[in-house]
Structure formats: C-alpha cells, structure tokens
N, C-alpha and C. Protein backbone atom coordinates (compact mmCIF):
# COMPACT_ATOMS: atom_id res chain seq x y z
N MET A 1 0.83 -1.20 0.00
CA MET A 1 0.00 0.00 0.00
C MET A 1 0.86 1.26 0.00
N LYS A 2 1.82 1.33 0.93
CA LYS A 2 2.69 2.50 0.98
C LYS A 2 3.54 2.60 -0.27
N GLU A 3 3.92 1.46 -0.83
CA GLU A 3 4.75 1.48 -2.03
C GLU A 3 4.03 2.20 -3.17
N GLN A 4 2.78 1.84 -3.43
CA GLN A 4 2.04 2.48 -4.50
C GLN A 4 1.79 3.95 -4.18
N ALA A 5 1.51 4.26 -2.93
CA ALA A 5 1.29 5.66 -2.53
C ALA A 5 2.56 6.48 -2.74
N LEU A 6 3.72 5.90 -2.47
CA LEU A 6 4.98 6.61 -2.70
C LEU A 6 5.23 6.84 -4.18
N ILE A 7 4.97 5.83 -4.99
CA ILE A 7 5.14 5.99 -6.44
C ILE A 7 4.23 7.10 -6.95
N GLU A 8 2.97 7.07 -6.55
CA GLU A 8 2.02 8.09 -6.98
C GLU A 8 2.44 9.47 -6.48
N SER A 9 2.94 9.55 -5.26
CA SER A 9 3.41 10.83 -4.71
C SER A 9 4.58 11.38 -5.53
N ALA A 10 5.51 10.51 -5.88
CA ALA A 10 6.67 10.95 -6.68
C ALA A 10 6.21 11.51 -8.02
N LEU A 11 5.28 10.83 -8.66
CA LEU A 11 4.78 11.30 -9.95
C LEU A 11 4.02 12.62 -9.81
N GLN A 12 3.22 12.73 -8.76
CA GLN A 12 2.49 13.98 -8.52
C GLN A 12 3.44 15.13 -8.20
N CYS A 13 4.58 14.82 -7.61
CA CYS A 13 5.57 15.85 -7.26
C CYS A 13 6.42 16.27 -8.45
N GLY A 14 6.28 15.59 -9.57
CA GLY A 14 6.99 15.99 -10.77
C GLY A 14 7.99 14.99 -11.33
N ALA A 15 8.13 13.84 -10.70
CA ALA A 15 9.02 12.82 -11.25
C ALA A 15 8.43 12.27 -12.55
N ALA A 16 9.30 11.93 -13.49
CA ALA A 16 8.85 11.34 -14.75
C ALA A 16 8.49 9.88 -14.56
N LYS A 17 9.28 9.18 -13.76
CA LYS A 17 9.06 7.77 -13.46
C LYS A 17 9.51 7.49 -12.03
N ALA A 18 8.97 6.41 -11.46
CA ALA A 18 9.35 6.00 -10.11
C ALA A 18 9.08 4.51 -9.96
N ALA A 19 9.90 3.87 -9.15
CA ALA A 19 9.74 2.43 -8.89
C ALA A 19 10.29 2.11 -7.51
N VAL A 20 9.68 1.16 -6.86
CA VAL A 20 10.18 0.68 -5.57
C VAL A 20 11.15 -0.46 -5.86
N ILE A 21 12.29 -0.42 -5.21
CA ILE A 21 13.30 -1.47 -5.38
C ILE A 21 13.70 -2.02 -4.02
N PRO A 22 14.01 -3.29 -3.95
CA PRO A 22 14.54 -3.84 -2.69
C PRO A 22 15.96 -3.31 -2.47
N ALA A 23 16.32 -3.16 -1.23
CA ALA A 23 17.62 -2.60 -0.88
C ALA A 23 18.78 -3.40 -1.45
N ASP A 24 18.60 -4.69 -1.61
CA ASP A 24 19.71 -5.48 -2.14
C ASP A 24 19.99 -5.20 -3.61
N ARG A 25 19.15 -4.40 -4.27
CA ARG A 25 19.38 -3.96 -5.65
C ARG A 25 20.25 -2.70 -5.70
N ILE A 26 20.46 -2.06 -4.56
CA ILE A 26 21.25 -0.83 -4.51
C ILE A 26 22.73 -1.21 -4.52
N VAL A 27 23.43 -0.76 -5.56
CA VAL A 27 24.85 -1.08 -5.72
C VAL A 27 25.67 0.01 -5.05
N LEU A 28 26.49 -0.41 -4.09
CA LEU A 28 27.32 0.53 -3.32
C LEU A 28 28.79 0.31 -3.63
N SER A 29 29.54 1.40 -3.65
CA SER A 29 30.98 1.31 -3.88
C SER A 29 31.67 2.51 -3.24
N ALA A 30 32.67 2.22 -2.41
CA ALA A 30 33.45 3.28 -1.77
C ALA A 30 34.25 4.08 -2.79
N SER A 31 34.40 3.56 -4.00
CA SER A 31 35.17 4.27 -5.03
C SER A 31 34.53 5.61 -5.40
N PHE A 32 33.26 5.78 -5.09
CA PHE A 32 32.62 7.05 -5.41
C PHE A 32 33.20 8.20 -4.59
N ARG A 33 33.78 7.91 -3.48
CA ARG A 33 34.40 8.97 -2.70
C ARG A 33 35.60 9.55 -3.46
N GLU A 34 36.34 8.69 -4.13
CA GLU A 34 37.47 9.17 -4.94
C GLU A 34 36.98 10.00 -6.12
N ILE A 35 35.88 9.59 -6.70
CA ILE A 35 35.30 10.37 -7.79
C ILE A 35 34.90 11.75 -7.28
N CYS A 36 34.28 11.79 -6.11
CA CYS A 36 33.92 13.08 -5.52
C CYS A 36 35.17 13.91 -5.22
N ARG A 37 36.17 13.26 -4.69
CA ARG A 37 37.41 13.95 -4.33
C ARG A 37 38.07 14.61 -5.55
N SER A 38 37.88 14.05 -6.74
CA SER A 38 38.46 14.64 -7.95
C SER A 38 37.80 15.99 -8.27
N ASN A 39 36.64 16.25 -7.68
CA ASN A 39 35.97 17.55 -7.68
C ASN A 39 35.56 18.05 -9.07
N GLY A 40 35.11 17.16 -9.91
CA GLY A 40 34.64 17.55 -11.23
C GLY A 40 33.48 18.53 -11.19
N CYS A 41 32.65 18.45 -10.16
CA CYS A 41 31.48 19.33 -10.07
C CYS A 41 31.78 20.63 -9.31
N GLY A 42 32.90 20.67 -8.60
CA GLY A 42 33.26 21.88 -7.86
C GLY A 42 32.65 21.98 -6.47
N ASN A 43 31.94 20.94 -6.02
CA ASN A 43 31.29 20.99 -4.70
C ASN A 43 32.08 20.31 -3.58
N TYR A 44 33.13 19.58 -3.91
CA TYR A 44 33.88 18.87 -2.87
C TYR A 44 34.45 19.88 -1.87
N GLY A 45 34.06 19.72 -0.62
CA GLY A 45 34.52 20.63 0.43
C GLY A 45 33.86 22.00 0.40
N ARG A 46 32.87 22.16 -0.47
CA ARG A 46 32.23 23.47 -0.63
C ARG A 46 30.72 23.41 -0.45
N CYS A 47 30.20 22.23 -0.07
CA CYS A 47 28.77 22.04 0.12
C CYS A 47 28.59 21.06 1.29
N TYR A 48 27.76 21.45 2.25
CA TYR A 48 27.54 20.58 3.41
C TYR A 48 26.99 19.21 3.05
N MET A 49 26.26 19.10 1.95
CA MET A 49 25.64 17.84 1.56
C MET A 49 26.53 17.01 0.63
N CYS A 50 27.78 17.43 0.45
CA CYS A 50 28.74 16.71 -0.37
C CYS A 50 29.94 16.33 0.48
N PRO A 51 30.74 15.39 0.01
CA PRO A 51 31.96 15.03 0.72
C PRO A 51 32.93 16.22 0.80
N PRO A 52 33.73 16.26 1.79
CA PRO A 52 33.84 15.33 2.90
C PRO A 52 32.85 15.62 4.04
N ASP A 53 32.13 16.74 3.95
CA ASP A 53 31.26 17.18 5.05
C ASP A 53 30.09 16.26 5.33
N VAL A 54 29.64 15.52 4.33
CA VAL A 54 28.47 14.66 4.51
C VAL A 54 28.78 13.45 5.40
N GLY A 55 30.06 13.08 5.52
CA GLY A 55 30.44 11.98 6.41
C GLY A 55 31.36 10.99 5.74
N GLU A 56 31.82 10.03 6.53
CA GLU A 56 32.71 8.98 6.03
C GLU A 56 31.93 7.99 5.17
N ILE A 57 32.51 7.62 4.06
CA ILE A 57 31.83 6.79 3.07
C ILE A 57 31.35 5.45 3.64
N GLU A 58 32.16 4.78 4.44
CA GLU A 58 31.75 3.47 4.99
C GLU A 58 30.55 3.63 5.92
N THR A 59 30.54 4.68 6.71
CA THR A 59 29.41 4.94 7.62
C THR A 59 28.14 5.22 6.83
N LEU A 60 28.28 6.00 5.75
CA LEU A 60 27.12 6.34 4.93
C LEU A 60 26.57 5.13 4.19
N MET A 61 27.46 4.29 3.66
CA MET A 61 27.01 3.08 2.99
C MET A 61 26.30 2.16 3.98
N GLU A 62 26.77 2.11 5.21
CA GLU A 62 26.11 1.28 6.22
C GLU A 62 24.70 1.81 6.52
N LYS A 63 24.52 3.13 6.51
CA LYS A 63 23.18 3.70 6.70
C LYS A 63 22.24 3.24 5.59
N VAL A 64 22.72 3.24 4.36
CA VAL A 64 21.90 2.79 3.23
C VAL A 64 21.49 1.33 3.44
N ARG A 65 22.41 0.51 3.90
CA ARG A 65 22.14 -0.92 4.09
C ARG A 65 21.11 -1.20 5.19
N GLN A 66 20.82 -0.24 6.03
CA GLN A 66 19.87 -0.44 7.12
C GLN A 66 18.41 -0.43 6.66
N PHE A 67 18.17 -0.02 5.43
CA PHE A 67 16.80 0.09 4.95
C PHE A 67 16.43 -1.09 4.06
N PRO A 68 15.19 -1.58 4.18
CA PRO A 68 14.79 -2.75 3.39
C PRO A 68 14.43 -2.45 1.94
N ARG A 69 14.03 -1.22 1.63
CA ARG A 69 13.61 -0.87 0.27
C ARG A 69 13.69 0.64 0.06
N GLY A 70 13.58 0.99 -1.21
CA GLY A 70 13.65 2.40 -1.54
C GLY A 70 12.81 2.74 -2.75
N LEU A 71 12.43 3.99 -2.82
CA LEU A 71 11.72 4.52 -3.97
C LEU A 71 12.75 5.22 -4.84
N LEU A 72 13.00 4.67 -6.00
CA LEU A 72 13.91 5.26 -6.97
C LEU A 72 13.06 6.08 -7.92
N TYR A 73 13.42 7.34 -8.12
CA TYR A 73 12.65 8.20 -9.02
C TYR A 73 13.58 9.03 -9.89
N GLN A 74 13.04 9.53 -11.00
CA GLN A 74 13.86 10.29 -11.92
C GLN A 74 13.07 11.44 -12.53
N THR A 75 13.81 12.47 -12.92
CA THR A 75 13.28 13.53 -13.74
C THR A 75 14.03 13.48 -15.07
N ILE A 76 13.31 13.76 -16.14
CA ILE A 76 13.89 13.74 -17.49
C ILE A 76 13.53 15.08 -18.13
N THR A 77 14.56 15.81 -18.55
CA THR A 77 14.34 17.14 -19.09
C THR A 77 14.96 17.27 -20.47
N PRO A 78 14.18 17.76 -21.45
CA PRO A 78 14.74 17.99 -22.77
C PRO A 78 15.71 19.18 -22.74
N LEU A 79 16.75 19.10 -23.57
CA LEU A 79 17.73 20.17 -23.70
C LEU A 79 17.75 20.66 -25.14
N GLU A 80 18.26 21.87 -25.35
CA GLU A 80 18.41 22.37 -26.72
C GLU A 80 19.38 21.51 -27.50
N ASP A 81 20.49 21.16 -26.85
CA ASP A 81 21.50 20.29 -27.44
C ASP A 81 22.39 19.77 -26.31
N SER A 82 23.38 18.97 -26.64
CA SER A 82 24.21 18.36 -25.60
C SER A 82 25.15 19.35 -24.91
N PHE A 83 25.19 20.59 -25.39
CA PHE A 83 26.03 21.62 -24.77
C PHE A 83 25.20 22.64 -23.99
N ASP A 84 23.94 22.35 -23.76
CA ASP A 84 23.02 23.27 -23.08
C ASP A 84 23.24 23.24 -21.57
N ILE A 85 24.32 23.89 -21.15
CA ILE A 85 24.68 23.93 -19.72
C ILE A 85 23.59 24.64 -18.91
N GLU A 86 23.04 25.73 -19.41
CA GLU A 86 21.97 26.44 -18.70
C GLU A 86 20.76 25.53 -18.51
N GLY A 87 20.43 24.77 -19.54
CA GLY A 87 19.31 23.84 -19.43
C GLY A 87 19.57 22.75 -18.42
N MET A 88 20.81 22.25 -18.38
CA MET A 88 21.18 21.23 -17.39
C MET A 88 21.10 21.78 -15.97
N THR A 89 21.57 23.02 -15.80
CA THR A 89 21.53 23.66 -14.48
C THR A 89 20.08 23.86 -14.03
N ALA A 90 19.24 24.33 -14.95
CA ALA A 90 17.82 24.51 -14.62
C ALA A 90 17.15 23.17 -14.31
N ALA A 91 17.50 22.13 -15.06
CA ALA A 91 16.93 20.80 -14.82
C ALA A 91 17.36 20.27 -13.46
N SER A 92 18.61 20.52 -13.08
CA SER A 92 19.10 20.09 -11.77
C SER A 92 18.34 20.80 -10.65
N ALA A 93 18.11 22.09 -10.82
CA ALA A 93 17.36 22.86 -9.81
C ALA A 93 15.91 22.37 -9.73
N GLU A 94 15.31 22.05 -10.87
CA GLU A 94 13.94 21.53 -10.86
C GLU A 94 13.89 20.16 -10.19
N HIS A 95 14.90 19.32 -10.44
CA HIS A 95 14.95 18.02 -9.78
C HIS A 95 15.01 18.21 -8.26
N ALA A 96 15.78 19.18 -7.83
CA ALA A 96 15.87 19.46 -6.39
C ALA A 96 14.51 19.86 -5.83
N GLN A 97 13.73 20.61 -6.60
CA GLN A 97 12.39 20.99 -6.15
C GLN A 97 11.46 19.77 -6.10
N VAL A 98 11.57 18.90 -7.07
CA VAL A 98 10.79 17.65 -7.05
C VAL A 98 11.14 16.86 -5.79
N SER A 99 12.43 16.78 -5.48
CA SER A 99 12.88 16.05 -4.29
C SER A 99 12.32 16.68 -3.02
N GLN A 100 12.30 17.99 -2.95
CA GLN A 100 11.76 18.68 -1.77
C GLN A 100 10.25 18.43 -1.64
N ARG A 101 9.55 18.48 -2.76
CA ARG A 101 8.10 18.20 -2.72
C ARG A 101 7.84 16.77 -2.26
N LEU A 102 8.64 15.84 -2.78
CA LEU A 102 8.49 14.44 -2.37
C LEU A 102 8.83 14.27 -0.89
N GLN A 103 9.81 14.97 -0.41
CA GLN A 103 10.18 14.91 1.01
C GLN A 103 8.97 15.29 1.87
N GLN A 104 8.28 16.35 1.49
CA GLN A 104 7.09 16.78 2.23
C GLN A 104 5.95 15.76 2.10
N ALA A 105 5.74 15.26 0.89
CA ALA A 105 4.66 14.29 0.67
C ALA A 105 4.90 13.02 1.47
N ALA A 106 6.14 12.58 1.55
CA ALA A 106 6.48 11.34 2.27
C ALA A 106 6.18 11.47 3.76
N LYS A 107 6.34 12.67 4.30
CA LYS A 107 6.04 12.88 5.73
C LYS A 107 4.57 12.60 6.02
N GLY A 108 3.71 12.90 5.05
CA GLY A 108 2.28 12.67 5.23
C GLY A 108 1.87 11.22 5.11
N LEU A 109 2.79 10.35 4.72
CA LEU A 109 2.46 8.93 4.56
C LEU A 109 2.79 8.10 5.80
N GLY A 110 3.28 8.73 6.83
CA GLY A 110 3.52 8.04 8.09
C GLY A 110 4.74 7.13 8.11
N LEU A 111 5.72 7.42 7.28
CA LEU A 111 6.94 6.61 7.29
C LEU A 111 7.72 6.91 8.57
N GLN A 112 8.15 5.87 9.26
CA GLN A 112 8.81 6.04 10.55
C GLN A 112 10.26 6.51 10.44
N LYS A 113 10.98 5.91 9.52
CA LYS A 113 12.40 6.21 9.38
C LYS A 113 12.70 6.32 7.90
N THR A 114 13.35 7.41 7.48
CA THR A 114 13.67 7.59 6.07
C THR A 114 15.10 8.10 5.90
N LEU A 115 15.60 7.90 4.71
CA LEU A 115 16.85 8.50 4.26
C LEU A 115 16.60 8.90 2.81
N HIS A 116 16.62 10.20 2.54
CA HIS A 116 16.31 10.71 1.22
C HIS A 116 17.58 11.26 0.59
N LEU A 117 17.93 10.71 -0.56
CA LEU A 117 19.13 11.12 -1.30
C LEU A 117 18.70 11.58 -2.68
N THR A 118 19.45 12.52 -3.24
CA THR A 118 19.08 13.05 -4.55
C THR A 118 20.32 13.22 -5.41
N CYS A 119 20.24 14.03 -6.45
CA CYS A 119 21.39 14.20 -7.34
C CYS A 119 22.40 15.17 -6.71
N GLY A 120 23.59 15.21 -7.24
CA GLY A 120 24.71 15.94 -6.67
C GLY A 120 24.43 17.36 -6.22
N GLY A 121 24.95 17.71 -5.07
CA GLY A 121 24.74 19.03 -4.51
C GLY A 121 23.35 19.16 -3.92
N CYS A 122 23.15 20.12 -3.08
CA CYS A 122 21.89 20.28 -2.36
C CYS A 122 20.88 21.13 -3.13
N HIS A 123 21.30 22.24 -3.68
CA HIS A 123 20.49 23.14 -4.50
C HIS A 123 19.41 23.91 -3.76
N LEU A 124 19.37 23.86 -2.43
CA LEU A 124 18.39 24.66 -1.70
C LEU A 124 18.77 26.14 -1.72
N CYS A 125 20.04 26.41 -1.57
CA CYS A 125 20.52 27.78 -1.54
C CYS A 125 21.30 28.08 -2.82
N GLU A 126 21.23 29.31 -3.26
CA GLU A 126 22.00 29.69 -4.44
C GLU A 126 23.48 29.45 -4.20
N THR A 127 23.95 29.79 -3.00
CA THR A 127 25.32 29.53 -2.58
C THR A 127 25.28 28.84 -1.24
N CYS A 128 25.91 27.67 -1.14
CA CYS A 128 25.91 26.93 0.12
C CYS A 128 26.57 27.78 1.21
N ALA A 129 25.98 27.76 2.40
CA ALA A 129 26.52 28.50 3.54
C ALA A 129 27.94 28.05 3.88
N LYS A 130 28.30 26.84 3.52
CA LYS A 130 29.65 26.31 3.74
C LYS A 130 30.68 27.24 3.10
N ARG A 131 30.37 27.78 1.93
CA ARG A 131 31.29 28.66 1.20
C ARG A 131 31.47 30.00 1.90
N GLU A 132 30.56 30.31 2.81
CA GLU A 132 30.62 31.58 3.56
C GLU A 132 30.99 31.34 5.02
N ASN A 133 31.44 30.12 5.31
CA ASN A 133 31.80 29.73 6.69
C ASN A 133 30.65 29.96 7.67
N GLN A 134 29.44 29.68 7.22
CA GLN A 134 28.24 29.79 8.04
C GLN A 134 27.63 28.41 8.21
N PRO A 135 26.82 28.20 9.26
CA PRO A 135 26.14 26.90 9.40
C PRO A 135 25.09 26.72 8.30
N CYS A 136 24.73 25.48 8.04
CA CYS A 136 23.71 25.16 7.04
C CYS A 136 22.43 25.92 7.37
N ARG A 137 21.87 26.58 6.38
CA ARG A 137 20.65 27.38 6.59
C ARG A 137 19.40 26.50 6.75
N PHE A 138 19.40 25.30 6.15
CA PHE A 138 18.23 24.43 6.17
C PHE A 138 18.63 22.99 6.48
N PRO A 139 19.18 22.73 7.66
CA PRO A 139 19.65 21.37 7.95
C PRO A 139 18.55 20.32 7.94
N ASP A 140 17.30 20.70 8.15
CA ASP A 140 16.20 19.73 8.14
C ASP A 140 15.63 19.51 6.73
N LYS A 141 16.07 20.29 5.75
CA LYS A 141 15.61 20.14 4.37
C LYS A 141 16.71 19.70 3.42
N ALA A 142 17.95 19.96 3.77
CA ALA A 142 19.07 19.67 2.87
C ALA A 142 19.16 18.17 2.60
N LEU A 143 19.36 17.81 1.33
CA LEU A 143 19.42 16.41 0.93
C LEU A 143 20.78 16.11 0.29
N PRO A 144 21.48 15.10 0.80
CA PRO A 144 22.77 14.71 0.20
C PRO A 144 22.56 13.93 -1.09
N SER A 145 23.64 13.76 -1.83
CA SER A 145 23.55 13.05 -3.10
C SER A 145 23.66 11.54 -2.90
N MET A 146 23.11 10.83 -3.86
CA MET A 146 23.21 9.37 -3.87
C MET A 146 24.68 8.95 -3.94
N GLU A 147 25.45 9.61 -4.79
CA GLU A 147 26.85 9.25 -4.98
C GLU A 147 27.68 9.51 -3.72
N SER A 148 27.33 10.54 -2.96
CA SER A 148 28.09 10.82 -1.73
C SER A 148 27.93 9.69 -0.72
N TYR A 149 26.86 8.91 -0.85
CA TYR A 149 26.62 7.75 0.01
C TYR A 149 27.16 6.47 -0.62
N GLY A 150 27.87 6.62 -1.73
CA GLY A 150 28.49 5.47 -2.37
C GLY A 150 27.60 4.70 -3.32
N ILE A 151 26.46 5.28 -3.71
CA ILE A 151 25.54 4.57 -4.59
C ILE A 151 25.97 4.72 -6.04
N ASP A 152 26.12 3.60 -6.71
CA ASP A 152 26.40 3.56 -8.13
C ASP A 152 25.05 3.63 -8.83
N VAL A 153 24.68 4.82 -9.24
CA VAL A 153 23.35 5.03 -9.80
C VAL A 153 23.16 4.22 -11.09
N TYR A 154 24.15 4.22 -11.94
CA TYR A 154 24.04 3.49 -13.21
C TYR A 154 23.73 2.01 -12.97
N GLN A 155 24.49 1.37 -12.10
CA GLN A 155 24.27 -0.05 -11.82
C GLN A 155 22.98 -0.30 -11.05
N THR A 156 22.60 0.62 -10.20
CA THR A 156 21.37 0.48 -9.42
C THR A 156 20.13 0.56 -10.31
N VAL A 157 20.19 1.41 -11.32
CA VAL A 157 19.05 1.62 -12.21
C VAL A 157 18.84 0.44 -13.17
N ARG A 158 19.92 -0.28 -13.47
CA ARG A 158 19.79 -1.43 -14.37
C ARG A 158 18.72 -2.39 -13.85
N ASP A 159 18.00 -2.98 -14.75
CA ASP A 159 16.95 -3.95 -14.41
C ASP A 159 15.80 -3.34 -13.61
N THR A 160 15.60 -2.03 -13.76
CA THR A 160 14.41 -1.37 -13.20
C THR A 160 13.66 -0.75 -14.38
N PRO A 161 12.45 -0.27 -14.16
CA PRO A 161 11.71 0.39 -15.25
C PRO A 161 12.31 1.76 -15.64
N LEU A 162 13.23 2.28 -14.85
CA LEU A 162 13.83 3.58 -15.11
C LEU A 162 15.07 3.39 -15.97
N ARG A 163 15.26 4.29 -16.93
CA ARG A 163 16.43 4.21 -17.79
C ARG A 163 17.42 5.30 -17.39
N TYR A 164 18.69 4.97 -17.47
CA TYR A 164 19.75 5.92 -17.12
C TYR A 164 19.89 6.98 -18.21
N ILE A 165 19.78 6.58 -19.45
CA ILE A 165 19.86 7.50 -20.58
C ILE A 165 18.50 7.49 -21.26
N ASN A 166 17.95 8.68 -21.49
CA ASN A 166 16.59 8.79 -22.01
C ASN A 166 16.52 9.54 -23.32
N GLY A 167 17.50 9.34 -24.17
CA GLY A 167 17.47 9.92 -25.50
C GLY A 167 18.42 11.09 -25.67
N GLN A 168 18.68 11.38 -26.92
CA GLN A 168 19.56 12.49 -27.26
C GLN A 168 18.94 13.81 -26.79
N ASP A 169 19.79 14.72 -26.37
CA ASP A 169 19.38 16.05 -25.93
C ASP A 169 18.39 16.02 -24.77
N THR A 170 18.65 15.12 -23.83
CA THR A 170 17.91 15.10 -22.56
C THR A 170 18.92 14.97 -21.43
N VAL A 171 18.50 15.37 -20.24
CA VAL A 171 19.30 15.13 -19.04
C VAL A 171 18.38 14.45 -18.03
N THR A 172 18.92 13.45 -17.36
CA THR A 172 18.15 12.66 -16.40
C THR A 172 18.82 12.75 -15.04
N PHE A 173 18.02 13.04 -14.02
CA PHE A 173 18.51 13.06 -12.65
C PHE A 173 17.70 12.06 -11.83
N PHE A 174 18.35 11.50 -10.80
CA PHE A 174 17.72 10.48 -9.96
C PHE A 174 17.68 10.90 -8.50
N GLY A 175 16.73 10.32 -7.80
CA GLY A 175 16.66 10.44 -6.35
C GLY A 175 16.28 9.08 -5.79
N LEU A 176 16.52 8.91 -4.50
CA LEU A 176 16.20 7.65 -3.83
C LEU A 176 15.72 7.95 -2.42
N LEU A 177 14.49 7.55 -2.15
CA LEU A 177 13.92 7.70 -0.81
C LEU A 177 13.86 6.32 -0.18
N LEU A 178 14.72 6.08 0.77
CA LEU A 178 14.74 4.81 1.51
C LEU A 178 13.82 4.96 2.72
N TRP A 179 13.12 3.88 3.06
CA TRP A 179 12.25 3.96 4.22
C TRP A 179 12.11 2.63 4.91
N GLU A 180 11.68 2.76 6.14
CA GLU A 180 11.37 1.61 6.98
C GLU A 180 10.02 1.88 7.60
N ASP A 181 9.13 0.89 7.59
CA ASP A 181 7.80 1.07 8.20
C ASP A 181 7.89 1.21 9.69
C-alpha cells in the first residue's frame, strides 16, 4: 500500500518515473568517494551535503544498508542540445524541487524512518553557507547526493523500469527515498 502511494506521490511531485526497489538492488561502492574527491562538479569541500562534510563513506554506505527498500525516481528534461549547460543547471534545480516536494509528501504517509538522497549538490541555496563559513541554513531540508553515500546510480538503475539514458538532448537526474515502516 505505501509502495504504490509513494510511487504516486513521486509522480504527482513531478518525477517522470518511479519504482520501488529492494535494498539489495542498490549497488554501493566506496570508489565514489574518490570520484567526488576529484571535484569535477566543484562541490567537494564546498557544500555541506557533499563530501567530505556529509560523512565517512563506509558509515554512509552502512546507513543505506539499514533500509529494506527504496523509492527510486527520476526527472527527465529535454535540452536544446548536448552543450546546453543552462538547461542542465535549470533541470538540476527543478529536480531538487521535485525532491523537496516528495520529502514533504512522504512525511504525510507516516513513514517512521527515512533516508532521502538526490542528485549531486543540495540546490536549496543559491550559494551553500559552507562557502561563507556559516552553518547550514536548512539542515532539516538539505538532501545529500546518492553518490556521496556510495551509490552507483548506473548499476542500481539497471533492471528497473527507469532508464539511465533517455534519448539524445535530454538530461536525467535520480533520487532515492529509503524507508522503513
């Protein structure tokens, strides 16, 4: 019952697709910390919801393993072309809003314990307070990334109804809401 309600909530919140997966389908790898450390996105050490501030990778992966299932959801946004950086940035911000709406909707479903992860960076603030040496402005709303918890999104999505690549000139972002009844 809650599974279908969560899927419907994700779709109503703006997700393109959503599916419930058992936790043993979530592929974890500590190697993602090294990928984060290479700082391709520019958030390493500059965002509270990204490494190293989000926590030690082994501890975070253990938190993921504590949940029996999760709601995997995605947003798919068309782009002008594969170089549409502005479109990608806007799509990332919209995905963050979908995640925030889902966070609120999930609270209304009576879930006892949750862990909500989304795409890289938090996106609640235009500039993370970390960059200004200030405490997090929204610690109860900020959502860490799936990759910061060691989740291999590509491998996790395989064999689900969600596709990692959704056509030329699109960008796809994922989120994962883990819960325990």
